[in-house]
C-alpha atoms as a PDB file:
ATOM      1  CA  MET A   1      19.895  13.475 -17.085  1.00  0.00           C
ATOM      2  CA  LYS A   2      17.261  15.383 -18.743  1.00  0.00           C
ATOM      3  CA  ARG A   3      14.576  12.897 -17.493  1.00  0.00           C
ATOM      4  CA  PHE A   4      16.057  13.036 -13.946  1.00  0.00           C
ATOM      5  CA  LEU A   5      15.721  17.017 -13.972  1.00  0.00           C
ATOM      6  CA  ILE A   6      12.180  16.864 -15.098  1.00  0.00           C
ATOM      7  CA  VAL A   7      11.067  14.303 -12.591  1.00  0.00           C
ATOM      8  CA  SER A   8      12.790  16.243  -9.702  1.00  0.00           C
ATOM      9  CA  VAL A   9      11.139  19.523 -10.645  1.00  0.00           C
ATOM     10  CA  VAL A  10       7.574  17.789 -10.788  1.00  0.00           C
ATOM     11  CA  ALA A  11       8.292  16.037  -7.384  1.00  0.00           C
ATOM     12  CA  ALA A  12       9.507  19.372  -5.853  1.00  0.00           C
ATOM     13  CA  VAL A  13       6.363  21.244  -7.134  1.00  0.00           C
ATOM     14  CA  ALA A  14       4.038  18.483  -5.758  1.00  0.00           C
ATOM     15  CA  GLY A  15       5.901  18.737  -2.324  1.00  0.00           C
ATOM     16  CA  LEU A  16       5.072  22.591  -2.184  1.00  0.00           C
ATOM     17  CA  TRP A  17       1.521  22.177  -3.255  1.00  0.00           C
ATOM     18  CA  ILE A  18       0.606  19.565  -0.695  1.00  0.00           C
ATOM     19  CA  PRO A  19      -1.170  21.376   2.162  1.00  0.00           C
ATOM     20  CA  GLN A  20       1.067  22.009   5.392  1.00  0.00           C
ATOM     21  CA  ALA A  21       0.036  20.741   8.753  1.00  0.00           C
ATOM     22  CA  SER A  22      -2.183  22.984  10.864  1.00  0.00           C
ATOM     23  CA  GLY A  23      -2.186  22.487  14.603  1.00  0.00           C
ATOM     24  CA  SER A  24      -0.219  20.173  16.785  1.00  0.00           C
ATOM     25  CA  ASP A  25       0.944  16.648  16.121  1.00  0.00           C
ATOM     26  CA  ARG A  26      -2.042  14.273  15.898  1.00  0.00           C
ATOM     27  CA  SER A  27      -0.078  11.151  16.269  1.00  0.00           C
ATOM     28  CA  GLY A  28      -1.860   8.533  18.367  1.00  0.00           C
ATOM     29  CA  ILE A  29      -5.450   9.722  17.873  1.00  0.00           C
ATOM     30  CA  VAL A  30      -6.249   8.239  14.389  1.00  0.00           C
ATOM     31  CA  SER A  31      -7.764   4.662  14.309  1.00  0.00           C
ATOM     32  CA  GLY A  32      -7.633   2.035  11.574  1.00  0.00           C
ATOM     33  CA  GLN A  33      -3.705   2.017  11.644  1.00  0.00           C
ATOM     34  CA  PHE A  34      -3.718  -1.398   9.957  1.00  0.00           C
ATOM     35  CA  LEU A  35      -4.828   0.457   6.667  1.00  0.00           C
ATOM     36  CA  LYS A  36      -1.207   1.874   6.612  1.00  0.00           C
ATOM     37  CA  ILE A  37       0.442  -1.448   6.359  1.00  0.00           C
ATOM     38  CA  PRO A  38       1.324  -2.091   2.549  1.00  0.00           C
ATOM     39  CA  VAL A  39      -0.384  -4.925   0.565  1.00  0.00           C
ATOM     40  CA  SER A  40       2.424  -5.443  -1.778  1.00  0.00           C
ATOM     41  CA  ALA A  41       5.786  -6.907  -0.969  1.00  0.00           C
ATOM     42  CA  ARG A  42       7.128  -4.998  -4.040  1.00  0.00           C
ATOM     43  CA  MET A  43       5.983  -1.727  -2.515  1.00  0.00           C
ATOM     44  CA  VAL A  44       7.475  -2.705   0.862  1.00  0.00           C
ATOM     45  CA  ALA A  45      11.039  -3.457  -0.725  1.00  0.00           C
ATOM     46  CA  MET A  46      10.836  -0.117  -2.755  1.00  0.00           C
ATOM     47  CA  GLY A  47      10.543   2.037   0.399  1.00  0.00           C
ATOM     48  CA  GLY A  48       6.838   2.417   0.179  1.00  0.00           C
ATOM     49  CA  ALA A  49       6.900   4.452  -2.884  1.00  0.00           C
ATOM     50  CA  GLY A  50       3.946   2.646  -4.593  1.00  0.00           C
ATOM     51  CA  VAL A  51       1.340   5.201  -5.613  1.00  0.00           C
ATOM     52  CA  ALA A  52       2.741   5.323  -9.199  1.00  0.00           C
ATOM     53  CA  LEU A  53       3.552   1.635  -9.387  1.00  0.00           C
ATOM     54  CA  VAL A  54       1.447  -0.755 -11.531  1.00  0.00           C
ATOM     55  CA  ASP A  55       1.162  -3.801  -9.347  1.00  0.00           C
ATOM     56  CA  GLY A  56      -1.808  -5.885 -10.491  1.00  0.00           C
ATOM     57  CA  ALA A  57      -4.768  -6.483  -8.409  1.00  0.00           C
ATOM     58  CA  ALA A  58      -2.991  -5.196  -5.333  1.00  0.00           C
ATOM     59  CA  CYS A  59      -3.373  -1.630  -6.744  1.00  0.00           C
ATOM     60  CA  LEU A  60      -7.017  -1.615  -5.683  1.00  0.00           C
ATOM     61  CA  ALA A  61      -5.765  -1.096  -2.039  1.00  0.00           C
ATOM     62  CA  TYR A  62      -3.591   2.029  -2.682  1.00  0.00           C
ATOM     63  CA  ASN A  63      -4.245   3.353  -6.195  1.00  0.00           C
ATOM     64  CA  PRO A  64      -7.197   1.701  -7.895  1.00  0.00           C
ATOM     65  CA  SER A  65      -6.531   3.263 -11.295  1.00  0.00           C
ATOM     66  CA  GLY A  66      -3.624   0.836 -11.755  1.00  0.00           C
ATOM     67  CA  MET A  67      -6.008  -2.207 -12.190  1.00  0.00           C
ATOM     68  CA  VAL A  68      -6.398  -1.213 -15.747  1.00  0.00           C
ATOM     69  CA  TYR A  69      -2.938  -2.003 -16.750  1.00  0.00           C
ATOM     70  CA  GLY A  70      -3.164  -5.646 -15.752  1.00  0.00           C
ATOM     71  CA  THR A  71      -4.204  -8.769 -17.661  1.00  0.00           C
ATOM     72  CA  GLU A  72      -7.765  -9.669 -18.231  1.00  0.00           C
ATOM     73  CA  TYR A  73      -7.983 -11.483 -14.880  1.00  0.00           C
ATOM     74  CA  GLN A  74      -5.780 -10.757 -12.019  1.00  0.00           C
ATOM     75  CA  PHE A  75      -5.192 -12.341  -8.492  1.00  0.00           C
ATOM     76  CA  ALA A  76      -3.064 -10.938  -5.634  1.00  0.00           C
ATOM     77  CA  ALA A  77      -2.272 -12.460  -2.156  1.00  0.00           C
ATOM     78  CA  HIS A  78      -0.134 -10.890   0.375  1.00  0.00           C
ATOM     79  CA  TYR A  79       1.172 -11.752   3.824  1.00  0.00           C
ATOM     80  CA  THR A  80       3.038  -9.738   6.435  1.00  0.00           C
ATOM     81  CA  GLN A  81       4.423 -11.081   9.653  1.00  0.00           C
ATOM     82  CA  TRP A  82       4.073  -7.950  11.954  1.00  0.00           C
ATOM     83  CA  PHE A  83       5.535  -7.639  15.321  1.00  0.00           C
ATOM     84  CA  THR A  84       5.022 -10.453  18.017  1.00  0.00           C
ATOM     85  CA  ASP A  85       2.173 -12.607  16.711  1.00  0.00           C
ATOM     86  CA  ILE A  86       0.410 -10.079  14.543  1.00  0.00           C
ATOM     87  CA  ARG A  87      -0.495 -11.237  11.179  1.00  0.00           C
ATOM     88  CA  HIS A  88      -1.697  -9.035   8.298  1.00  0.00           C
ATOM     89  CA  SER A  89      -3.120 -10.521   5.115  1.00  0.00           C
ATOM     90  CA  PHE A  90      -4.690  -9.165   1.715  1.00  0.00           C
ATOM     91  CA  PHE A  91      -6.419 -10.865  -1.038  1.00  0.00           C
ATOM     92  CA  ALA A  92      -7.728  -9.323  -4.252  1.00  0.00           C
ATOM     93  CA  PHE A  93      -9.152 -10.188  -7.521  1.00  0.00           C
ATOM     94  CA  ALA A  94      -9.678  -7.817 -10.597  1.00  0.00           C
ATOM     95  CA  ALA A  95     -11.027  -8.388 -14.065  1.00  0.00           C
ATOM     96  CA  ASN A  96     -10.725  -5.968 -17.006  1.00  0.00           C
ATOM     97  CA  LEU A  97     -14.233  -5.878 -18.613  1.00  0.00           C
ATOM     98  CA  GLU A  98     -14.742  -4.652 -22.258  1.00  0.00           C
ATOM     99  CA  GLY A  99     -16.720  -1.359 -22.134  1.00  0.00           C
ATOM    100  CA  ILE A 100     -16.702  -1.085 -18.438  1.00  0.00           C
ATOM    101  CA  GLY A 101     -13.082  -0.935 -17.163  1.00  0.00           C
ATOM    102  CA  ALA A 102     -11.442  -2.921 -14.323  1.00  0.00           C
ATOM    103  CA  VAL A 103     -13.536  -4.174 -11.497  1.00  0.00           C
ATOM    104  CA  GLY A 104     -11.967  -5.448  -8.395  1.00  0.00           C
ATOM    105  CA  ILE A 105     -12.736  -6.833  -4.992  1.00  0.00           C
ATOM    106  CA  GLY A 106     -10.428  -7.258  -1.961  1.00  0.00           C
ATOM    107  CA  ALA A 107     -10.132  -8.133   1.685  1.00  0.00           C
ATOM    108  CA  THR A 108      -7.558  -7.070   4.098  1.00  0.00           C
ATOM    109  CA  ILE A 109      -7.301  -8.821   7.579  1.00  0.00           C
ATOM    110  CA  LEU A 110      -5.129  -8.124  10.621  1.00  0.00           C
ATOM    111  CA  SER A 111      -5.142 -10.348  13.684  1.00  0.00           C
ATOM    112  CA  SER A 112      -3.296  -9.840  16.970  1.00  0.00           C
ATOM    113  CA  GLY A 113      -3.223 -13.610  18.005  1.00  0.00           C
ATOM    114  CA  ASP A 114      -4.425 -14.774  21.368  1.00  0.00           C
ATOM    115  CA  MET A 115      -3.628 -12.502  24.384  1.00  0.00           C
ATOM    116  CA  MET A 116      -4.056 -13.299  27.988  1.00  0.00           C
ATOM    117  CA  VAL A 117      -6.771 -11.316  30.003  1.00  0.00           C
ATOM    118  CA  THR A 118      -5.301  -9.632  33.032  1.00  0.00           C
ATOM    119  CA  THR A 119      -6.967  -7.652  35.763  1.00  0.00           C
ATOM    120  CA  PRO A 120      -5.598  -5.893  38.962  1.00  0.00           C
ATOM    121  CA  ALA A 121      -6.796  -8.888  40.928  1.00  0.00           C
ATOM    122  CA  TYR A 122      -5.086 -11.397  38.479  1.00  0.00           C
ATOM    123  CA  PRO A 123      -2.119  -9.500  37.101  1.00  0.00           C
ATOM    124  CA  GLU A 124      -0.615 -12.932  35.855  1.00  0.00           C
ATOM    125  CA  GLY A 125      -3.785 -13.805  33.984  1.00  0.00           C
ATOM    126  CA  THR A 126      -7.331 -14.981  34.547  1.00  0.00           C
ATOM    127  CA  GLY A 127      -6.989 -17.865  32.313  1.00  0.00           C
ATOM    128  CA  GLU A 128      -9.076 -16.364  29.559  1.00  0.00           C
ATOM    129  CA  TYR A 129      -7.871 -15.079  26.230  1.00  0.00           C
ATOM    130  CA  PHE A 130      -8.923 -12.474  23.758  1.00  0.00           C
ATOM    131  CA  ARG A 131      -7.820 -11.076  20.542  1.00  0.00           C
ATOM    132  CA  ALA A 132      -7.971  -7.838  18.424  1.00  0.00           C
ATOM    133  CA  SER A 133      -8.733  -7.860  14.763  1.00  0.00           C
ATOM    134  CA  ASP A 134      -9.286  -5.435  11.880  1.00  0.00           C
ATOM    135  CA  TYR A 135     -11.006  -6.087   8.474  1.00  0.00           C
ATOM    136  CA  ALA A 136     -11.551  -4.017   5.286  1.00  0.00           C
ATOM    137  CA  LEU A 137     -13.622  -5.231   2.378  1.00  0.00           C
ATOM    138  CA  THR A 138     -12.996  -3.267  -0.743  1.00  0.00           C
ATOM    139  CA  LEU A 139     -14.979  -2.867  -4.102  1.00  0.00           C
ATOM    140  CA  ALA A 140     -13.059  -0.986  -6.822  1.00  0.00           C
ATOM    141  CA  LEU A 141     -13.626   0.332 -10.347  1.00  0.00           C
ATOM    142  CA  ALA A 142     -11.096   1.830 -12.718  1.00  0.00           C
ATOM    143  CA  ARG A 143     -11.251   2.954 -16.287  1.00  0.00           C
ATOM    144  CA  LYS A 144      -8.813   4.538 -18.970  1.00  0.00           C
ATOM    145  CA  ILE A 145      -9.979   7.938 -19.926  1.00  0.00           C
ATOM    146  CA  SER A 146      -7.221   7.876 -22.694  1.00  0.00           C
ATOM    147  CA  ASP A 147      -4.342   5.685 -23.673  1.00  0.00           C
ATOM    148  CA  LYS A 148      -2.073   7.812 -21.132  1.00  0.00           C
ATOM    149  CA  PHE A 149      -4.654   8.542 -18.222  1.00  0.00           C
ATOM    150  CA  SER A 150      -6.625   6.332 -15.986  1.00  0.00           C
ATOM    151  CA  VAL A 151      -8.749   7.005 -12.948  1.00  0.00           C
ATOM    152  CA  GLY A 152     -10.109   4.631 -10.236  1.00  0.00           C
ATOM    153  CA  ILE A 153     -12.073   4.761  -7.108  1.00  0.00           C
ATOM    154  CA  SER A 154     -12.597   2.106  -4.368  1.00  0.00           C
ATOM    155  CA  MET A 155     -15.157   1.823  -1.652  1.00  0.00           C
ATOM    156  CA  LYS A 156     -14.313   0.130   1.809  1.00  0.00           C
ATOM    157  CA  TYR A 157     -16.166  -1.270   4.546  1.00  0.00           C
ATOM    158  CA  ILE A 158     -13.938  -1.266   7.674  1.00  0.00           C
ATOM    159  CA  LYS A 159     -14.576  -3.183  10.808  1.00  0.00           C
ATOM    160  CA  SER A 160     -12.256  -3.116  14.023  1.00  0.00           C
ATOM    161  CA  TYR A 161     -12.745  -5.219  17.195  1.00  0.00           C
ATOM    162  CA  LEU A 162     -10.834  -4.471  20.416  1.00  0.00           C
ATOM    163  CA  PHE A 163     -11.893  -7.438  22.396  1.00  0.00           C
ATOM    164  CA  ASN A 164     -13.054 -10.641  20.484  1.00  0.00           C
ATOM    165  CA  THR A 165     -16.292  -9.418  18.817  1.00  0.00           C
ATOM    166  CA  GLU A 166     -17.668  -7.663  21.922  1.00  0.00           C
ATOM    167  CA  TYR A 167     -16.312  -4.118  21.548  1.00  0.00           C
ATOM    168  CA  GLY A 168     -15.973  -2.920  18.004  1.00  0.00           C
ATOM    169  CA  ALA A 169     -16.573  -0.196  15.557  1.00  0.00           C
ATOM    170  CA  SER A 170     -17.237   0.136  11.829  1.00  0.00           C
ATOM    171  CA  CYS A 171     -17.372   2.727   8.960  1.00  0.00           C
ATOM    172  CA  PHE A 172     -17.267   3.303   5.237  1.00  0.00           C
ATOM    173  CA  ALA A 173     -14.436   4.857   3.395  1.00  0.00           C
ATOM    174  CA  PHE A 174     -13.199   5.409  -0.158  1.00  0.00           C
ATOM    175  CA  ASP A 175      -9.951   5.849  -2.071  1.00  0.00           C
ATOM    176  CA  ALA A 176      -9.447   7.638  -5.339  1.00  0.00           C
ATOM    177  CA  GLY A 177      -6.566   7.720  -7.603  1.00  0.00           C
ATOM    178  CA  THR A 178      -5.204   8.570 -11.098  1.00  0.00           C
ATOM    179  CA  LEU A 179      -2.150   7.502 -13.238  1.00  0.00           C
ATOM    180  CA  TYR A 180      -0.746   9.521 -16.118  1.00  0.00           C
ATOM    181  CA  GLU A 181       1.698   8.254 -18.667  1.00  0.00           C
ATOM    182  CA  ILE A 182       4.579  10.219 -20.181  1.00  0.00           C
ATOM    183  CA  PRO A 183       5.862   8.064 -22.769  1.00  0.00           C
ATOM    184  CA  ALA A 184       8.424  10.368 -24.126  1.00  0.00           C
ATOM    185  CA  LEU A 185      10.210  10.442 -20.718  1.00  0.00           C
ATOM    186  CA  ARG A 186       9.356   6.730 -19.846  1.00  0.00           C
ATOM    187  CA  THR A 187       7.713   8.109 -16.743  1.00  0.00           C
ATOM    188  CA  ARG A 188       4.481   7.610 -14.978  1.00  0.00           C
ATOM    189  CA  LEU A 189       2.722  10.004 -12.466  1.00  0.00           C
ATOM    190  CA  GLY A 190       0.451   8.796  -9.828  1.00  0.00           C
ATOM    191  CA  MET A 191      -1.811  10.612  -7.348  1.00  0.00           C
ATOM    192  CA  ALA A 192      -4.300   9.077  -4.702  1.00  0.00           C
ATOM    193  CA  VAL A 193      -6.042   9.958  -1.698  1.00  0.00           C
ATOM    194  CA  ALA A 194      -6.671   7.266   0.913  1.00  0.00           C
ATOM    195  CA  ASN A 195      -9.335   6.375   3.430  1.00  0.00           C
ATOM    196  CA  LEU A 196     -11.640   9.317   3.299  1.00  0.00           C
ATOM    197  CA  GLY A 197     -14.661   8.441   5.428  1.00  0.00           C
ATOM    198  CA  SER A 198     -16.597   8.698   8.586  1.00  0.00           C
ATOM    199  CA  ASP A 199     -15.119   8.480  12.064  1.00  0.00           C
ATOM    200  CA  MET A 200     -14.855   5.182  13.907  1.00  0.00           C
ATOM    201  CA  LYS A 201     -16.715   5.234  17.254  1.00  0.00           C
ATOM    202  CA  PHE A 202     -15.516   2.785  20.037  1.00  0.00           C
ATOM    203  CA  ILE A 203     -18.010   2.877  22.936  1.00  0.00           C
ATOM    204  CA  ASN A 204     -17.982   6.459  23.724  1.00  0.00           C
ATOM    205  CA  GLU A 205     -15.038   7.780  21.666  1.00  0.00           C
ATOM    206  CA  SER A 206     -14.620   8.554  18.036  1.00  0.00           C
ATOM    207  CA  TYR A 207     -11.536   8.489  15.972  1.00  0.00           C
ATOM    208  CA  SER A 208     -10.805   9.439  12.358  1.00  0.00           C
ATOM    209  CA  LEU A 209      -9.371   7.221   9.804  1.00  0.00           C
ATOM    210  CA  PRO A 210      -5.672   7.480   8.627  1.00  0.00           C
ATOM    211  CA  THR A 211      -6.476   9.706   5.681  1.00  0.00           C
ATOM    212  CA  SER A 212      -3.513  10.630   3.400  1.00  0.00           C
ATOM    213  CA  PHE A 213      -2.700  12.305   0.121  1.00  0.00           C
ATOM    214  CA  ARG A 214       0.058  10.727  -2.129  1.00  0.00           C
ATOM    215  CA  PHE A 215       1.915  11.814  -5.065  1.00  0.00           C
ATOM    216  CA  GLY A 216       4.485   9.793  -6.819  1.00  0.00           C
ATOM    217  CA  VAL A 217       6.730   9.316  -9.889  1.00  0.00           C
ATOM    218  CA  VAL A 218       8.007   6.085 -11.449  1.00  0.00           C
ATOM    219  CA  THR A 219      10.586   6.515 -14.218  1.00  0.00           C
ATOM    220  CA  ASN A 220      12.234   3.891 -16.327  1.00  0.00           C
ATOM    221  CA  ILE A 221      16.055   4.516 -16.451  1.00  0.00           C
ATOM    222  CA  MET A 222      17.164   1.641 -18.476  1.00  0.00           C
ATOM    223  CA  GLU A 223      14.910  -0.642 -20.582  1.00  0.00           C
ATOM    224  CA  GLY A 224      15.679  -3.790 -22.507  1.00  0.00           C
ATOM    225  CA  GLU A 225      14.868  -7.537 -22.685  1.00  0.00           C
ATOM    226  CA  GLU A 226      17.591  -8.665 -20.392  1.00  0.00           C
ATOM    227  CA  GLN A 227      17.886  -5.693 -18.056  1.00  0.00           C
ATOM    228  CA  ASN A 228      15.496  -3.020 -16.652  1.00  0.00           C
ATOM    229  CA  LEU A 229      15.864  -0.281 -14.029  1.00  0.00           C
ATOM    230  CA  ASN A 230      13.126   1.660 -12.522  1.00  0.00           C
ATOM    231  CA  ALA A 231      13.350   4.390  -9.902  1.00  0.00           C
ATOM    232  CA  ALA A 232      10.344   5.643  -7.828  1.00  0.00           C
ATOM    233  CA  PHE A 233       9.622   8.758  -5.612  1.00  0.00           C
ATOM    234  CA  GLN A 234       6.768   9.443  -3.443  1.00  0.00           C
ATOM    235  CA  ILE A 235       5.502  12.316  -1.135  1.00  0.00           C
ATOM    236  CA  SER A 236       2.796  11.525   1.313  1.00  0.00           C
ATOM    237  CA  ARG A 237       0.654  13.931   3.623  1.00  0.00           C
ATOM    238  CA  PRO A 238      -0.972  11.842   6.512  1.00  0.00           C
ATOM    239  CA  ASN A 239      -3.584  13.408   8.568  1.00  0.00           C
ATOM    240  CA  ASP A 240      -1.745  12.401  11.966  1.00  0.00           C
ATOM    241  CA  GLY A 241       1.918  13.512  11.107  1.00  0.00           C
ATOM    242  CA  ASN A 242       4.215  15.483   8.930  1.00  0.00           C
ATOM    243  CA  GLU A 243       5.172  14.808   5.438  1.00  0.00           C
ATOM    244  CA  GLN A 244       6.683  11.532   4.524  1.00  0.00           C
ATOM    245  CA  TYR A 245       9.117  10.884   1.620  1.00  0.00           C
ATOM    246  CA  ASN A 246       9.821   7.458  -0.009  1.00  0.00           C
ATOM    247  CA  VAL A 247      12.343   6.531  -2.591  1.00  0.00           C
ATOM    248  CA  GLY A 248      13.002   3.107  -4.204  1.00  0.00           C
ATOM    249  CA  ALA A 249      14.479   1.195  -7.201  1.00  0.00           C
ATOM    250  CA  GLU A 250      14.165  -1.977  -8.757  1.00  0.00           C
ATOM    251  CA  TYR A 251      16.652  -3.783 -11.159  1.00  0.00           C
ATOM    252  CA  THR A 252      15.630  -6.689 -13.310  1.00  0.00           C
ATOM    253  CA  PHE A 253      18.150  -8.844 -14.820  1.00  0.00           C
ATOM    254  CA  PHE A 254      17.823 -11.911 -17.273  1.00  0.00           C
ATOM    255  CA  GLY A 255      14.271 -10.657 -17.717  1.00  0.00           C
ATOM    256  CA  ASN A 256      13.057 -12.713 -14.659  1.00  0.00           C
ATOM    257  CA  PHE A 257      14.832 -11.725 -11.544  1.00  0.00           C
ATOM    258  CA  THR A 258      14.432  -8.499  -9.720  1.00  0.00           C
ATOM    259  CA  LEU A 259      16.260  -6.843  -6.824  1.00  0.00           C
ATOM    260  CA  ARG A 260      14.678  -3.928  -4.957  1.00  0.00           C
ATOM    261  CA  ALA A 261      15.810  -1.370  -2.230  1.00  0.00           C
ATOM    262  CA  GLY A 262      14.373   1.837  -0.831  1.00  0.00           C
ATOM    263  CA  HIS A 263      14.390   4.270   2.031  1.00  0.00           C
ATOM    264  CA  LYS A 264      11.850   6.115   3.869  1.00  0.00           C
ATOM    265  CA  PHE A 265      12.283   9.722   5.268  1.00  0.00           C
ATOM    266  CA  GLY A 266      10.005  11.439   7.894  1.00  0.00           C
ATOM    267  CA  TYR A 267       9.151   8.262   9.624  1.00  0.00           C
ATOM    268  CA  ASP A 268       9.488   7.841  13.487  1.00  0.00           C
ATOM    269  CA  ALA A 269      10.725   4.177  13.361  1.00  0.00           C
ATOM    270  CA  GLU A 270      11.101   2.917   9.813  1.00  0.00           C
ATOM    271  CA  ASN A 271      14.020   3.573   7.620  1.00  0.00           C
ATOM    272  CA  TRP A 272      15.468   1.334   4.919  1.00  0.00           C
ATOM    273  CA  THR A 273      13.880  -1.537   2.959  1.00  0.00           C
ATOM    274  CA  ALA A 274      15.081  -4.238   0.558  1.00  0.00           C
ATOM    275  CA  GLY A 275      13.607  -7.295  -1.485  1.00  0.00           C
ATOM    276  CA  PHE A 276      13.438  -9.371  -4.454  1.00  0.00           C
ATOM    277  CA  GLY A 277      11.152 -10.821  -6.938  1.00  0.00           C
ATOM    278  CA  VAL A 278      10.812 -13.926  -9.346  1.00  0.00           C
ATOM    279  CA  ASN A 279       9.009 -13.672 -12.570  1.00  0.00           C
ATOM    280  CA  PHE A 280       6.772 -16.831 -13.336  1.00  0.00           C
ATOM    281  CA  ALA A 281       7.589 -16.376 -17.062  1.00  0.00           C
ATOM    282  CA  LEU A 282      10.195 -19.044 -16.315  1.00  0.00           C
ATOM    283  CA  ILE A 283       7.497 -21.658 -16.046  1.00  0.00           C
ATOM    284  CA  GLY A 284       5.080 -20.056 -18.695  1.00  0.00           C
ATOM    285  CA  VAL A 285       2.870 -18.278 -16.311  1.00  0.00           C
ATOM    286  CA  ALA A 286       2.064 -14.577 -16.116  1.00  0.00           C
ATOM    287  CA  GLY A 287       2.900 -13.638 -12.438  1.00  0.00           C
ATOM    288  CA  MET A 288       5.291 -12.704  -9.696  1.00  0.00           C
ATOM    289  CA  LEU A 289       6.437 -13.875  -6.308  1.00  0.00           C
ATOM    290  CA  ASP A 290       7.837 -10.962  -4.387  1.00  0.00           C
ATOM    291  CA  TYR A 291       9.668 -10.649  -0.910  1.00  0.00           C
ATOM    292  CA  GLY A 292       9.972  -7.431   1.060  1.00  0.00           C
ATOM    293  CA  TYR A 293      11.958  -6.530   4.306  1.00  0.00           C
ATOM    294  CA  ASN A 294      11.034  -3.457   6.167  1.00  0.00           C
ATOM    295  CA  ASN A 295      13.823  -2.257   8.759  1.00  0.00           C
ATOM    296  CA  PHE A 296      12.866  -0.546  12.007  1.00  0.00           C
ATOM    297  CA  LYS A 297      15.158   1.577  14.243  1.00  0.00           C
ATOM    298  CA  TRP A 298      14.189   0.041  17.623  1.00  0.00           C
ATOM    299  CA  LEU A 299      11.953  -2.995  16.740  1.00  0.00           C
ATOM    300  CA  PRO A 300      12.625  -6.264  14.730  1.00  0.00           C
ATOM    301  CA  GLY A 301      12.101  -5.816  10.946  1.00  0.00           C
ATOM    302  CA  THR A 302       9.052  -7.160   9.211  1.00  0.00           C
ATOM    303  CA  HIS A 303       8.838  -9.734   6.384  1.00  0.00           C
ATOM    304  CA  ALA A 304       6.266  -9.632   3.624  1.00  0.00           C
ATOM    305  CA  ILE A 305       5.551 -11.910   0.712  1.00  0.00           C
ATOM    306  CA  SER A 306       3.098 -11.412  -2.198  1.00  0.00           C
ATOM    307  CA  LEU A 307       1.909 -13.455  -5.086  1.00  0.00           C
ATOM    308  CA  TYR A 308       0.510 -12.155  -8.317  1.00  0.00           C
ATOM    309  CA  VAL A 309      -1.134 -14.060 -11.173  1.00  0.00           C
ATOM    310  CA  GLY A 310      -2.487 -12.859 -14.257  1.00  0.00           C
ATOM    311  CA  LEU A 311      -4.600 -14.696 -16.993  1.00  0.00           C
END
């Protein structure tokens, strides 16, 4: 109970500290929306409360400081089947190098699939097809400042195409994050700022990136060889909307199987999440296979699957 009270107080203070919105709602005027899609099925299943999670090489996409907690070499792959035929993929590799820290590279890819070209003269289609696509290439570095505190930073090159490769825009951005361990409370605090960078200019119009600040807490409620229970809480402050709150939990049993659930507050369309994971320790390999489901109020839910392997 004491641990819950302390975590709640810390989260409440962080919520008061995060800057409040100024001006009107900016929804719909921010580009690079694909950068908001989670790259970890574990994070999807836990309601998006991922900034304080340690999730292998996938950390470089949302809190690069988490890479230092992985194995010497880490590989992560993620796939989300988004609405209609939209596909979202992520791949990352990270290495913990003595005297340097953790170095990682990653790539995020979103593709709309083929869409029919229509015009006022040919509303049923001209017979031509096009597709929209987005890419983000990431280079990240993280170091442990002490046995309890780590920092990380990642640099991104972002490229978006509206019509095949004819109309596009590009820019650079960076993320920065920290993780702080509180062993006495079996708790970890995480903070990160995402997508700080220049605007993207499409033809004659410029749009900012989906910048956000996130603060999160993960606490271990029950720890053991056979059973483990973690709870996570996160506050996010995006630049195109109001505060968003994420809560999630994961329960591991028999040391190898994990069930997860979460909920999102302050979102227009998203609400509850769920998923599961299988530890590869069953076959003598360090790794996880995770599945996450994200429910939407008025649209079909999305499915995500992730693979993590450590050497």
